[in-house]
Every structure is written in C-alpha cells, then in structure tokens.
Amino acid sequence: MRDSDPVVVVGAGPVGLVAALLLARHGVPSVVLEAAARRDPSGSRAICFQRDVLDVLDRVGCAEAMIARGVTWTTGRTYHRGDELFAVTFPGAGEGAVPPWINISQAEVEARLRDLAAAEPLVEVRYGHRVTGLRQDGDGVEAGCGGTGEAVRGTHLVGADGGHSAVRELLGIGFPGRTFTDRFLICDIRADLPFPSERRFFFDPEWNPGRQVLVHQCPDRTWRIDWQVPADHDLDAERGSGALDARIRRITGDVPYEIVWATVYRFHERVAAAFASGRAFLAGDASHLYAPFGARGLNSGVQDAENLAWKLAFVRHGWAPPALLRSYDAERRAAAGENLRVTTRTMEFLVPRTPRQRAGRLEALEAARTHPDPRTIVDSGRLAEPFWYLDSPLTTPAGPVEDFPRAPGADRPPLPGVLCPDGPCVVDGEPTRLRRLFGTRFVILTQGGPSGRLPTDVPHQVHALEAIDTSGVLRAALHAGPDTVHIVRPDGHLAAVLPAYDPDAAVAALHRACGRS
C-alpha cells in the first residue's frame, strides 16, 4: 500500500465524516462518496450526544463548539399519567470535563463535520456519487458510481451509507430483525416554554392516552416532542384538521409556538449478519438500526467509526497485521447485539404486542408508585453507554485479584476492556485531561514511569508516560495502587491492567492488542 492510496468511505453523514476525519488524524487519506447532491439539513433527527462520544468528537475538532452550542442536561424524569415515578441524575461535568449529555440536532453536527472535512487536505468529499457496484481483489476495493461512471479505488472501504445501505446490499450481507407497527410522530417546535432542560418521558399522559410522549429541549428555544401514535396516523390530515395544533397545545398551553419540522416514522430493530466482508466494512445505520429511546443509534455509530479508524490506520502503516481488522466485527457486532437487546426490551415495554404484555406493563407502572426502586420494573429507555470489550481477542484478561496492589478502600482496578476513565492530570509539565492523550497511539499509564525501556519489537506509536494525577480523581477511578500499570488502546479502552510494570507482559499485551497473537 502507498501512503497516497485512500480509504473509500461511502456516506457523508456523521458516521462517515467522523471515520474520514479520524483517518486523517492518523495520516490516512480518504475519499467520501455521497449519493445525494446535498445532505438534507431539516429536522433534529438524532439529538442526544453522550459524554464518551463527545470525547471522540473532540478528537476530530468539533466537541467544544457542540458543547457551547448544545443544551446540557443531567436529569431524566419518567412519569405515569400525572405522577413522577423516578428521576435519574448523571454526574455533571467536572472542571475541564465534558457534560454527561448534550442535545443538539444531527443536522447542525453534520454541518460542523462538513466544514472540518472541507478544511482537511486528506479528506475529499464527492457529492452526487451513488455507489452501484463493488469489486474487491487482494490489493484493494473499487466502488463503481452510477451516473458519473467513475470507479473509485482504495485500500479498504467503509460503508456508512445508512439503513438502506447500498454497500451492505452489494456485499450480500443480511440485515435480520423487525419493524414495529406503531408509528411515532416527531415535532420540533420553537417556543418559550417554562420547562427545565431535562429528558422527560410520559407513560399514558392524559394528552396521549394509552401511549407515550418524550420531551427534550434543544438549542434556539426549540423543543423536540415524540408522540407514539396509531399505525394509521396521517400527519397531513392532522395538520389540515387542526388536530396537530390541539395535540401540541396540550403540552405548550397558550404559549405561542412555531413548528420547525414534523415527521412520522416507524422504528426498526436490526443488526447486520456481518460487519465486514474482505476489505469492506459496515458502520453506523448500515450495520445496525435501533429504536431511539436510549440514544444508542448515532452514539454507537460514532464508536463504530473510531474502533475501525485506528485499526485501519495501524494496518495501513504496517504497525499491525491485517488480522487486526477481524476484531472490528468481533467487537462492534457484540456491541450492536447488546444495544439490540436493550432497545428491544424497551420497545416491548413501550409497545406491548399481546394482552399479557399490556397487562404486565400496566401492573409495573402502577406498582412503580410504591416500589423502592421503580427503575428496575419500568423501562423508559436505558440510556447509551460504551460497550465493554471484556471478551475481545485484543483484550488481555486480568490476573487474580490478589496480584494487584490497590489504593486504600479500592476493590481492584477496572477490568481490561472497559473505557478508561477521564480526569485532570499533568503530562510533561502541561495540565490536560487524560482522554485528550488518546486517539492515535497506545498509552501506558504508570505511577512513576516504566522501570525499563520497552523492547524495540512492540507496535509502533506506543507512548509510555506518567500522567501526574493532581486531584486524586484518576487514582480513585482506576483503583490504582502504587505499581499498577494500565495499557490503553488508541480508542481509550483498556487493553490490559498489570499489577506491576513487567516489560515482557507489557509487550505481550501490546502484541495481543494489535492482533499479533
């Protein structure tokens, strides 16, 4: 492979653009092929961005602007009829850290990513290039574009072209799952409402009896409202009759409002039968579709992009064997399976299909009023969180608990495979936060620096450092003893946790994390 050979990315949505920008950060060029002449900027679409995903977006250069612009929220409340059943509060942003959640429209995030891509010499975006054919050989992938007649060749291909993915169809990969018959009406309205910036979920409110409503605040006085509606709901008819206005006024009251966007759609629960075929890979909605309650769609897609980007870069640069790329399917399809299980359980609670399920849901909602922990029996959407790669072929299993020196009161270090926690630290005399060190290299964290130099046969782009924990936050989060060593992958997941620095053990863990064992 030549350094100038691109990776072909199909789809200029947020997942495709993040993949291209992350590849550029590794010095890998890409050509992004987008079927549409321009992306549709209307509507909020995906709006909830989770803390760990904001860290990924920080690596491509748009998180700070998103956080400044977006609506931060830390509390989610769930109601049944007129009563609050429970509230979930997420820890707020510490000094210099990112908030747990922000709301901002997918269209606005896409626009920021497009600007970054346009300014990046290693990213070329071509609109009006619909992929209609794929051909692979031992050296690369060629995408044929209908209409333009072009054939675009690259070393690898990333299919991030949405739920109706042409790449997935051309690869012959199945997309098993199901579609829920109930429909959901989504409206973005602009109004000055006296509501706090919280996620509010309503079961069976008097203004949508027997069904659900979800309310989120977005920037520019915009409120996103999701109603569950019958399968035969007709948005145009409801507009014309005045029923849509009446529906909205049940929430807004007499406050003036403006409809910014409205749509009706059905939710799908599907995961591709494989996330890779040869040198071609699927990411985002091309590989998985979930109901949005829990914000697991776009957040998971961005994590797909990061997982794949560093592996493609390491293989391209010769720092890891092609076998490393097999772990993308193993890790991200496992993550998709977990998200599917979570969102399917949510939808079965929100949209029960049998009389028994409906009776069970009503019983749970009534019991929740006096239950000591109603969250355990009422499912209004378990919010997204990163998947743990505990069983990944790249993860070095932890040793016996007794081998680890521990900080006072700590049980043991976090398991290998989890996402490394964040916190303020000082590196080489400069204050930063730990996750800002991740992205392009492996990082070895120690309390006092490695006791000896790493042998020369370790994977390239390894940085051994002492991150000085100025607040004690990291030491507590990592449950670190005085000798504990943490080996962190470029995507921030722990590849290994060692009880003490051992060059042979460190090298073995690094080799494993790069697919060399």
Protein backbone atom coordinates (compact mmCIF):
# COMPACT_ATOMS: atom_id res chain seq x y z
CA MET A 1 0.00 0.00 0.00
CA ARG A 2 1.15 3.51 -0.81
CA ASP A 3 0.58 6.31 1.69
CA SER A 4 -1.31 8.20 -1.00
CA ASP A 5 -3.85 5.40 -1.57
CA PRO A 6 -7.16 6.40 0.03
CA VAL A 7 -9.72 4.56 2.07
CA VAL A 8 -13.12 4.82 0.35
CA VAL A 9 -15.90 5.95 2.70
CA VAL A 10 -19.46 5.62 1.41
CA GLY A 11 -21.87 8.08 3.03
CA ALA A 12 -21.25 11.69 4.11
CA GLY A 13 -23.43 11.54 7.20
CA PRO A 14 -21.94 11.98 10.67
CA VAL A 15 -20.53 8.44 10.91
CA GLY A 16 -18.83 8.57 7.50
CA LEU A 17 -17.39 12.04 8.12
CA VAL A 18 -16.12 11.09 11.59
CA ALA A 19 -14.44 8.00 10.10
CA ALA A 20 -12.76 10.13 7.43
CA LEU A 21 -11.60 12.78 9.91
CA LEU A 22 -10.25 10.18 12.32
CA LEU A 23 -8.35 8.51 9.49
CA ALA A 24 -6.88 11.90 8.58
CA ARG A 25 -5.70 12.32 12.16
CA HIS A 26 -3.73 9.11 11.61
CA GLY A 27 -2.34 10.50 8.33
CA VAL A 28 -4.55 8.27 6.15
CA PRO A 29 -6.34 9.90 3.15
CA SER A 30 -9.94 9.11 2.26
CA VAL A 31 -12.48 9.75 -0.47
CA VAL A 32 -16.05 10.11 0.79
CA LEU A 33 -18.78 9.21 -1.73
CA GLU A 34 -22.23 10.63 -1.02
CA ALA A 35 -25.20 9.61 -3.18
CA ALA A 36 -27.16 12.83 -2.65
CA ALA A 37 -26.28 16.11 -4.33
CA ARG A 38 -26.59 17.66 -0.87
CA ARG A 39 -27.48 16.41 2.59
CA ASP A 40 -30.97 17.22 3.89
CA PRO A 41 -30.49 19.79 6.68
CA SER A 42 -34.05 19.65 8.02
CA GLY A 43 -35.15 18.34 11.38
CA SER A 44 -33.48 17.45 14.64
CA ARG A 45 -33.18 13.71 13.87
CA ALA A 46 -30.62 12.31 16.34
CA ILE A 47 -30.19 14.86 19.11
CA CYS A 48 -28.64 13.26 22.22
CA PHE A 49 -24.84 13.02 22.37
CA GLN A 50 -23.31 11.10 25.24
CA ARG A 51 -20.20 12.13 27.19
CA ASP A 52 -17.88 9.41 25.84
CA VAL A 53 -18.95 10.11 22.25
CA LEU A 54 -18.22 13.80 22.78
CA ASP A 55 -14.66 12.73 23.62
CA VAL A 56 -14.43 11.06 20.20
CA LEU A 57 -15.79 14.19 18.54
CA ASP A 58 -13.24 16.22 20.50
CA ARG A 59 -10.54 14.27 18.65
CA VAL A 60 -11.89 15.43 15.29
CA GLY A 61 -12.21 19.01 16.45
CA CYS A 62 -15.91 19.78 16.91
CA ALA A 63 -16.84 18.88 20.50
CA GLU A 64 -16.06 22.25 22.08
CA ALA A 65 -18.34 24.09 19.67
CA MET A 66 -21.05 21.45 20.12
CA ILE A 67 -20.91 21.72 23.91
CA ALA A 68 -21.00 25.51 23.79
CA ARG A 69 -23.97 25.43 21.43
CA GLY A 70 -25.91 22.43 22.76
CA VAL A 71 -28.28 22.12 25.68
CA THR A 72 -26.65 20.29 28.59
CA TRP A 73 -28.80 18.03 30.73
CA THR A 74 -28.07 15.78 33.67
CA THR A 75 -31.53 14.55 34.72
CA GLY A 76 -34.08 12.26 33.11
CA ARG A 77 -37.57 12.03 34.62
CA THR A 78 -40.21 9.37 34.00
CA TYR A 79 -43.93 9.93 34.64
CA HIS A 80 -47.04 7.77 34.62
CA ARG A 81 -50.15 9.79 33.93
CA GLY A 82 -49.73 12.78 36.24
CA ASP A 83 -47.23 11.30 38.69
CA GLU A 84 -43.44 11.27 38.60
CA LEU A 85 -42.21 7.69 39.06
CA PHE A 86 -38.47 8.33 39.26
CA ALA A 87 -35.60 10.52 38.15
CA VAL A 88 -32.10 9.54 37.01
CA THR A 89 -29.33 12.08 37.55
CA PHE A 90 -25.95 11.76 35.83
CA PRO A 91 -22.80 13.23 37.36
CA GLY A 92 -22.23 16.71 35.98
CA ALA A 93 -19.13 17.85 34.19
CA GLY A 94 -16.11 18.23 36.43
CA GLU A 95 -13.66 21.03 35.92
CA GLY A 96 -12.48 20.89 32.31
CA ALA A 97 -14.54 17.75 31.53
CA VAL A 98 -17.39 17.22 29.12
CA PRO A 99 -21.02 17.07 30.28
CA PRO A 100 -22.87 13.74 30.51
CA TRP A 101 -25.35 14.67 27.75
CA ILE A 102 -25.99 17.48 25.33
CA ASN A 103 -28.87 17.98 22.93
CA ILE A 104 -28.07 19.38 19.51
CA SER A 105 -29.50 18.49 16.12
CA GLN A 106 -27.80 15.93 13.90
CA ALA A 107 -28.03 18.40 11.00
CA GLU A 108 -26.02 21.00 12.90
CA VAL A 109 -23.37 18.45 13.87
CA GLU A 110 -23.16 17.28 10.25
CA ALA A 111 -22.60 20.87 9.12
CA ARG A 112 -19.68 21.25 11.54
CA LEU A 113 -18.20 17.96 10.38
CA ARG A 114 -18.56 19.00 6.72
CA ASP A 115 -16.65 22.21 7.45
CA LEU A 116 -13.88 20.24 9.13
CA ALA A 117 -13.73 17.80 6.20
CA ALA A 118 -13.58 20.65 3.68
CA ALA A 119 -10.60 22.12 5.54
CA GLU A 120 -8.77 18.78 5.81
CA PRO A 121 -6.41 18.07 2.86
CA LEU A 122 -6.58 14.32 3.50
CA VAL A 123 -10.39 14.19 3.08
CA GLU A 124 -12.15 14.58 -0.26
CA VAL A 125 -15.96 14.54 -0.29
CA ARG A 126 -17.74 13.88 -3.59
CA TYR A 127 -21.48 14.54 -3.69
CA GLY A 128 -23.79 13.00 -6.28
CA HIS A 129 -21.75 9.78 -6.31
CA ARG A 130 -24.14 6.88 -5.76
CA VAL A 131 -22.30 3.59 -5.34
CA THR A 132 -23.84 0.93 -7.59
CA GLY A 133 -21.07 -1.65 -7.76
CA LEU A 134 -18.22 -3.05 -5.68
CA ARG A 135 -15.26 -5.15 -6.68
CA GLN A 136 -12.52 -6.45 -4.38
CA ASP A 137 -9.15 -8.07 -5.00
CA GLY A 138 -6.07 -8.79 -2.95
CA ASP A 139 -4.88 -5.18 -3.09
CA GLY A 140 -8.00 -3.10 -2.58
CA VAL A 141 -11.64 -2.25 -3.22
CA GLU A 142 -13.18 -0.48 -6.20
CA ALA A 143 -16.51 1.34 -5.92
CA GLY A 144 -18.41 1.97 -9.14
CA CYS A 145 -20.59 5.08 -9.16
CA GLY A 146 -23.72 5.02 -11.29
CA GLY A 147 -24.49 8.18 -13.20
CA THR A 148 -20.94 9.54 -13.05
CA GLY A 149 -19.42 6.37 -14.49
CA GLU A 150 -16.46 6.74 -12.12
CA ALA A 151 -14.68 3.87 -10.43
CA VAL A 152 -13.05 4.95 -7.16
CA ARG A 153 -10.39 2.65 -5.79
CA GLY A 154 -9.00 2.44 -2.27
CA THR A 155 -7.20 0.04 0.00
CA HIS A 156 -10.35 -0.51 2.09
CA LEU A 157 -13.97 0.64 2.09
CA VAL A 158 -16.21 1.84 4.92
CA GLY A 159 -19.94 1.58 4.25
CA ALA A 160 -21.61 4.29 6.35
CA ASP A 161 -24.49 4.86 3.97
CA GLY A 162 -27.45 4.43 6.31
CA GLY A 163 -30.23 1.95 6.94
CA HIS A 164 -30.85 1.36 3.22
CA SER A 165 -27.14 0.76 2.67
CA ALA A 166 -26.13 0.05 -0.91
CA VAL A 167 -22.80 -1.26 0.36
CA ARG A 168 -24.50 -3.84 2.57
CA GLU A 169 -26.69 -4.95 -0.34
CA LEU A 170 -23.75 -5.18 -2.74
CA LEU A 171 -21.79 -7.25 -0.23
CA GLY A 172 -24.75 -9.61 0.14
CA ILE A 173 -24.88 -9.19 3.93
CA GLY A 174 -28.23 -9.91 5.57
CA PHE A 175 -29.99 -7.43 7.84
CA PRO A 176 -32.23 -9.53 10.08
CA GLY A 177 -34.60 -8.01 12.62
CA ARG A 178 -38.05 -6.49 12.72
CA THR A 179 -40.06 -3.32 12.26
CA PHE A 180 -42.57 -2.16 14.87
CA THR A 181 -46.04 -1.40 13.52
CA ASP A 182 -46.83 1.51 15.83
CA ARG A 183 -45.71 4.83 14.42
CA PHE A 184 -44.12 7.82 16.14
CA LEU A 185 -44.83 11.47 15.41
CA ILE A 186 -41.87 13.79 15.93
CA CYS A 187 -42.20 17.59 16.03
CA ASP A 188 -39.58 20.23 16.54
CA ILE A 189 -41.33 23.33 17.83
CA ARG A 190 -39.87 26.73 18.69
CA ALA A 191 -41.39 28.30 21.81
CA ASP A 192 -40.55 29.83 25.17
CA LEU A 193 -41.65 27.02 27.48
CA PRO A 194 -41.19 27.07 31.26
CA PHE A 195 -39.66 23.57 31.30
CA PRO A 196 -36.21 22.70 32.65
CA SER A 197 -33.54 21.23 30.40
CA GLU A 198 -34.32 17.61 31.29
CA ARG A 199 -35.31 14.48 29.46
CA ARG A 200 -39.00 13.94 30.29
CA PHE A 201 -40.75 10.69 29.46
CA PHE A 202 -44.52 10.32 29.95
CA PHE A 203 -46.37 7.00 30.07
CA ASP A 204 -50.09 7.28 29.31
CA PRO A 205 -50.47 11.04 29.85
CA GLU A 206 -53.99 12.41 29.60
CA TRP A 207 -52.93 14.23 26.42
CA ASN A 208 -51.85 10.97 24.70
CA PRO A 209 -53.88 8.26 26.47
CA GLY A 210 -52.59 4.71 26.26
CA ARG A 211 -49.34 5.76 24.60
CA GLN A 212 -46.09 7.62 25.32
CA VAL A 213 -44.61 11.10 24.89
CA LEU A 214 -40.97 12.18 25.17
CA VAL A 215 -39.85 15.83 25.50
CA HIS A 216 -36.32 17.23 25.03
CA GLN A 217 -35.01 20.79 24.90
CA CYS A 218 -32.70 21.76 22.01
CA PRO A 219 -30.86 24.99 21.12
CA ASP A 220 -32.62 28.12 19.83
CA ARG A 221 -35.74 27.71 22.01
CA THR A 222 -36.52 24.50 20.13
CA TRP A 223 -38.28 21.58 21.80
CA ARG A 224 -38.29 18.07 20.37
CA ILE A 225 -41.50 16.16 21.15
CA ASP A 226 -42.05 12.48 20.28
CA TRP A 227 -45.57 11.03 20.43
CA GLN A 228 -46.39 7.37 19.98
CA VAL A 229 -49.35 7.32 17.57
CA PRO A 230 -51.53 4.61 15.99
CA ALA A 231 -50.29 2.69 12.95
CA ASP A 232 -52.78 4.52 10.69
CA HIS A 233 -51.81 8.03 11.82
CA ASP A 234 -52.00 10.59 8.99
CA LEU A 235 -49.84 13.66 9.63
CA ASP A 236 -51.20 15.66 6.69
CA ALA A 237 -54.79 15.03 7.77
CA GLU A 238 -53.95 16.03 11.33
CA ARG A 239 -52.37 19.25 10.11
CA GLY A 240 -55.38 20.12 7.99
CA SER A 241 -57.97 19.38 10.66
CA GLY A 242 -56.25 21.34 13.41
CA ALA A 243 -55.68 18.18 15.46
CA LEU A 244 -51.90 18.67 15.33
CA ASP A 245 -52.24 22.15 16.82
CA ALA A 246 -54.51 20.76 19.53
CA ARG A 247 -52.02 17.97 20.23
CA ILE A 248 -49.14 20.43 20.63
CA ARG A 249 -51.19 22.83 22.76
CA ARG A 250 -51.85 20.06 25.28
CA ILE A 251 -48.15 20.45 26.10
CA THR A 252 -47.43 24.12 25.39
CA GLY A 253 -50.66 25.64 26.63
CA ASP A 254 -51.34 29.14 25.34
CA VAL A 255 -47.67 29.91 24.66
CA PRO A 256 -47.09 30.92 21.01
CA TYR A 257 -45.14 28.33 19.06
CA GLU A 258 -43.82 27.61 15.59
CA ILE A 259 -43.48 24.16 14.00
CA VAL A 260 -39.95 23.84 12.69
CA TRP A 261 -40.17 20.22 11.47
CA ALA A 262 -42.59 17.32 11.71
CA THR A 263 -42.40 13.73 10.53
CA VAL A 264 -43.86 10.29 11.21
CA TYR A 265 -41.92 7.06 11.03
CA ARG A 266 -41.63 3.50 12.29
CA PHE A 267 -38.77 2.13 14.36
CA HIS A 268 -36.60 -0.78 13.30
CA GLU A 269 -34.53 -3.22 15.33
CA ARG A 270 -31.92 -4.79 13.04
CA VAL A 271 -28.25 -5.84 13.14
CA ALA A 272 -26.27 -6.90 10.07
CA ALA A 273 -25.27 -10.55 9.88
CA ALA A 274 -21.63 -9.41 9.50
CA PHE A 275 -19.87 -6.07 9.82
CA ALA A 276 -17.11 -6.93 7.36
CA SER A 277 -16.53 -8.74 4.07
CA GLY A 278 -12.96 -8.83 2.84
CA ARG A 279 -11.67 -5.26 2.76
CA ALA A 280 -15.13 -3.69 3.13
CA PHE A 281 -16.75 -2.78 6.45
CA LEU A 282 -20.13 -1.53 7.66
CA ALA A 283 -20.62 1.19 10.27
CA GLY A 284 -23.48 3.16 11.80
CA ASP A 285 -27.02 2.62 10.50
CA ALA A 286 -25.68 0.49 7.65
CA SER A 287 -24.82 -2.12 10.28
CA HIS A 288 -27.45 -1.57 12.96
CA LEU A 289 -30.81 0.14 13.50
CA TYR A 290 -32.32 0.67 16.95
CA ALA A 291 -35.34 2.39 18.39
CA PRO A 292 -34.11 5.80 19.55
CA PHE A 293 -35.25 5.52 23.17
CA GLY A 294 -31.87 5.45 24.89
CA ALA A 295 -29.93 7.34 22.18
CA ARG A 296 -27.98 4.29 21.03
CA GLY A 297 -28.04 4.83 17.26
CA LEU A 298 -25.76 7.70 16.31
CA ASN A 299 -23.71 7.40 19.51
CA SER A 300 -22.96 3.78 18.70
CA GLY A 301 -22.21 4.69 15.07
CA VAL A 302 -19.54 7.19 16.11
CA GLN A 303 -17.98 4.47 18.28
CA ASP A 304 -18.02 2.16 15.24
CA ALA A 305 -16.07 4.78 13.31
CA GLU A 306 -13.44 5.21 16.00
CA ASN A 307 -13.00 1.47 16.52
CA LEU A 308 -12.44 0.94 12.80
CA ALA A 309 -10.33 4.03 12.08
CA TRP A 310 -7.40 3.26 14.37
CA LYS A 311 -7.27 -0.35 13.19
CA LEU A 312 -7.30 0.63 9.53
CA ALA A 313 -4.54 3.16 10.22
CA PHE A 314 -2.34 0.69 12.09
CA VAL A 315 -2.68 -1.87 9.29
CA ARG A 316 -2.09 0.77 6.61
CA HIS A 317 1.09 1.97 8.32
CA GLY A 318 2.37 -1.56 8.82
CA TRP A 319 2.19 -1.34 12.60
CA ALA A 320 -0.24 -4.26 12.84
CA PRO A 321 -1.09 -7.26 10.65
CA PRO A 322 -4.30 -7.37 8.57
CA ALA A 323 -5.64 -9.82 11.16
CA LEU A 324 -6.26 -6.84 13.45
CA LEU A 325 -9.20 -5.84 11.25
CA ARG A 326 -11.05 -9.05 12.11
CA SER A 327 -11.54 -7.68 15.61
CA TYR A 328 -13.79 -4.90 14.26
CA ASP A 329 -16.57 -7.39 13.53
CA ALA A 330 -15.97 -9.22 16.82
CA GLU A 331 -16.09 -6.08 18.95
CA ARG A 332 -18.67 -3.88 17.26
CA ARG A 333 -21.12 -6.66 16.40
CA ALA A 334 -21.03 -7.67 20.06
CA ALA A 335 -21.73 -4.04 20.97
CA ALA A 336 -24.60 -3.96 18.46
CA GLY A 337 -26.04 -7.14 19.90
CA GLU A 338 -26.06 -5.63 23.37
CA ASN A 339 -27.71 -2.44 22.11
CA LEU A 340 -30.30 -4.54 20.28
CA ARG A 341 -31.12 -6.50 23.43
CA VAL A 342 -31.51 -3.30 25.45
CA THR A 343 -33.64 -1.42 22.92
CA THR A 344 -35.79 -4.47 22.11
CA ARG A 345 -36.65 -4.83 25.80
CA THR A 346 -37.51 -1.12 25.87
CA MET A 347 -39.78 -1.36 22.83
CA GLU A 348 -41.54 -4.42 24.18
CA PHE A 349 -42.36 -2.38 27.28
CA LEU A 350 -43.32 0.74 25.33
CA VAL A 351 -45.30 -1.10 22.63
CA PRO A 352 -46.57 -4.37 24.16
CA ARG A 353 -47.85 -6.72 21.47
CA THR A 354 -50.01 -9.14 23.45
CA PRO A 355 -52.72 -8.74 26.09
CA ARG A 356 -50.39 -10.37 28.60
CA GLN A 357 -47.60 -7.90 27.85
CA ARG A 358 -50.03 -4.97 28.10
CA ALA A 359 -51.34 -6.20 31.44
CA GLY A 360 -47.79 -6.71 32.71
CA ARG A 361 -46.81 -3.19 31.74
CA LEU A 362 -49.82 -1.63 33.45
CA GLU A 363 -49.11 -3.67 36.57
CA ALA A 364 -45.47 -2.47 36.57
CA LEU A 365 -46.46 1.17 36.12
CA GLU A 366 -48.97 1.01 38.97
CA ALA A 367 -46.53 -0.82 41.24
CA ALA A 368 -43.81 1.72 40.50
CA ARG A 369 -45.59 4.33 42.61
CA THR A 370 -44.61 2.49 45.79
CA HIS A 371 -41.69 0.35 44.61
CA PRO A 372 -38.34 1.05 46.37
CA ASP A 373 -36.53 1.23 43.00
CA PRO A 374 -39.05 1.72 40.17
CA ARG A 375 -36.27 1.86 37.57
CA THR A 376 -35.95 -1.91 37.90
CA ILE A 377 -39.53 -2.53 36.73
CA VAL A 378 -40.27 0.43 34.40
CA ASP A 379 -38.33 0.74 31.13
CA SER A 380 -38.41 4.21 29.56
CA GLY A 381 -35.15 3.64 27.67
CA ARG A 382 -31.81 2.72 29.23
CA LEU A 383 -29.52 5.49 28.09
CA ALA A 384 -26.47 4.76 25.94
CA GLU A 385 -23.12 3.85 27.43
CA PRO A 386 -19.92 2.44 25.91
CA PHE A 387 -19.67 -1.30 25.37
CA TRP A 388 -17.05 -3.22 27.35
CA TYR A 389 -14.71 -5.36 25.23
CA LEU A 390 -14.16 -7.87 28.03
CA ASP A 391 -14.20 -10.87 25.69
CA SER A 392 -12.39 -9.24 22.77
CA PRO A 393 -9.47 -11.15 21.22
CA LEU A 394 -7.47 -7.94 21.72
CA THR A 395 -8.00 -7.78 25.49
CA THR A 396 -5.52 -9.34 27.90
CA PRO A 397 -7.56 -10.92 30.73
CA ALA A 398 -6.90 -9.62 34.21
CA GLY A 399 -4.92 -11.75 36.61
CA PRO A 400 -6.02 -12.85 40.08
CA VAL A 401 -7.37 -10.05 42.27
CA GLU A 402 -4.74 -10.66 44.92
CA ASP A 403 -1.94 -9.83 42.45
CA PHE A 404 -2.97 -6.18 42.22
CA PRO A 405 -1.70 -3.62 44.70
CA ARG A 406 -4.65 -1.41 45.49
CA ALA A 407 -5.32 2.05 46.71
CA PRO A 408 -6.87 2.17 50.21
CA GLY A 409 -10.50 1.14 50.06
CA ALA A 410 -10.36 0.07 46.39
CA ASP A 411 -11.51 -3.41 45.41
CA ARG A 412 -9.48 -3.81 42.22
CA PRO A 413 -8.60 -1.90 39.05
CA PRO A 414 -11.25 -1.61 36.30
CA LEU A 415 -11.40 -4.71 34.15
CA PRO A 416 -9.46 -4.76 30.87
CA GLY A 417 -11.85 -3.95 28.04
CA VAL A 418 -13.67 -1.07 29.74
CA LEU A 419 -13.30 2.53 28.62
CA CYS A 420 -10.54 4.26 30.56
CA PRO A 421 -11.95 6.91 32.92
CA ASP A 422 -11.15 10.57 32.48
CA GLY A 423 -9.76 13.15 34.85
CA PRO A 424 -7.40 16.11 35.15
CA CYS A 425 -3.69 15.36 35.03
CA VAL A 426 -0.31 16.89 34.20
CA VAL A 427 1.88 15.42 31.47
CA ASP A 428 5.35 16.80 30.75
CA GLY A 429 4.52 19.78 32.92
CA GLU A 430 1.36 20.67 30.99
CA PRO A 431 -2.14 20.40 32.50
CA THR A 432 -4.62 18.38 30.45
CA ARG A 433 -7.20 15.67 30.92
CA LEU A 434 -6.40 12.04 30.38
CA ARG A 435 -8.66 11.29 27.41
CA ARG A 436 -7.05 14.06 25.39
CA LEU A 437 -3.94 11.85 25.24
CA PHE A 438 -5.82 9.11 23.40
CA GLY A 439 -6.67 8.69 19.73
CA THR A 440 -3.55 7.94 17.70
CA ARG A 441 -1.38 5.74 19.89
CA PHE A 442 -1.27 3.25 22.71
CA VAL A 443 -0.66 4.86 26.08
CA ILE A 444 0.95 3.12 29.06
CA LEU A 445 -0.05 4.72 32.35
CA THR A 446 2.11 4.20 35.42
CA GLN A 447 2.54 5.92 38.75
CA GLY A 448 6.25 6.52 38.32
CA GLY A 449 7.16 5.75 34.72
CA PRO A 450 8.26 2.36 33.35
CA SER A 451 11.20 0.88 35.22
CA GLY A 452 12.91 -0.04 31.94
CA ARG A 453 12.73 0.79 28.26
CA LEU A 454 10.28 -1.10 26.10
CA PRO A 455 11.90 -3.57 23.70
CA THR A 456 12.03 -2.47 20.07
CA ASP A 457 9.58 -5.09 18.75
CA VAL A 458 6.48 -3.52 20.30
CA PRO A 459 3.85 -2.00 18.00
CA HIS A 460 4.66 1.43 16.70
CA GLN A 461 3.01 4.50 18.21
CA VAL A 462 3.37 3.44 21.84
CA HIS A 463 3.79 6.24 24.36
CA ALA A 464 4.86 5.38 27.89
CA LEU A 465 4.20 8.24 30.25
CA GLU A 466 3.50 9.24 33.79
CA ALA A 467 0.27 11.18 33.96
CA ILE A 468 0.54 13.05 37.25
CA ASP A 469 -2.84 12.87 38.97
CA THR A 470 -3.20 16.31 40.52
CA SER A 471 -6.61 15.75 42.11
CA GLY A 472 -6.72 12.06 43.00
CA VAL A 473 -9.67 11.60 40.62
CA LEU A 474 -7.80 9.28 38.27
CA ARG A 475 -6.20 7.22 41.01
CA ALA A 476 -9.62 6.63 42.55
CA ALA A 477 -11.34 5.92 39.22
CA LEU A 478 -8.65 3.45 38.15
CA HIS A 479 -8.44 1.94 41.67
CA ALA A 480 -4.70 2.25 41.13
CA GLY A 481 -2.11 1.06 43.58
CA PRO A 482 1.46 2.37 43.59
CA ASP A 483 2.66 -0.16 40.96
CA THR A 484 -0.40 -0.73 38.78
CA VAL A 485 0.11 -0.33 35.02
CA HIS A 486 -2.70 0.45 32.56
CA ILE A 487 -2.24 -0.10 28.82
CA VAL A 488 -4.76 1.98 26.88
CA ARG A 489 -5.73 1.46 23.24
CA PRO A 490 -5.98 4.39 20.83
CA ASP A 491 -9.78 4.36 21.26
CA GLY A 492 -9.44 4.72 25.04
CA HIS A 493 -10.35 1.16 26.03
CA LEU A 494 -8.07 -0.65 28.47
CA ALA A 495 -6.12 -3.34 26.61
CA ALA A 496 -4.53 -4.65 29.81
CA VAL A 497 -4.19 -3.91 33.51
CA LEU A 498 -0.97 -5.22 35.04
CA PRO A 499 -0.21 -5.46 38.77
CA ALA A 500 3.28 -4.05 38.15
CA TYR A 501 5.44 -3.00 35.24
CA ASP A 502 6.88 -6.06 33.50
CA PRO A 503 8.39 -5.43 30.04
CA ASP A 504 7.59 -8.94 28.80
CA ALA A 505 3.97 -8.76 29.99
CA ALA A 506 3.58 -5.26 28.55
CA VAL A 507 4.92 -6.33 25.16
CA ALA A 508 2.70 -9.43 25.12
CA ALA A 509 -0.36 -7.28 25.89
CA LEU A 510 0.56 -4.78 23.16
CA HIS A 511 1.08 -7.56 20.62
CA ARG A 512 -2.29 -9.05 21.51
CA ALA A 513 -4.00 -5.64 21.27
CA CYS A 514 -2.62 -5.27 17.73
CA GLY A 515 -3.83 -8.67 16.57
CA ARG A 516 -0.41 -10.31 16.68
CA SER A 517 -1.46 -13.27 18.81
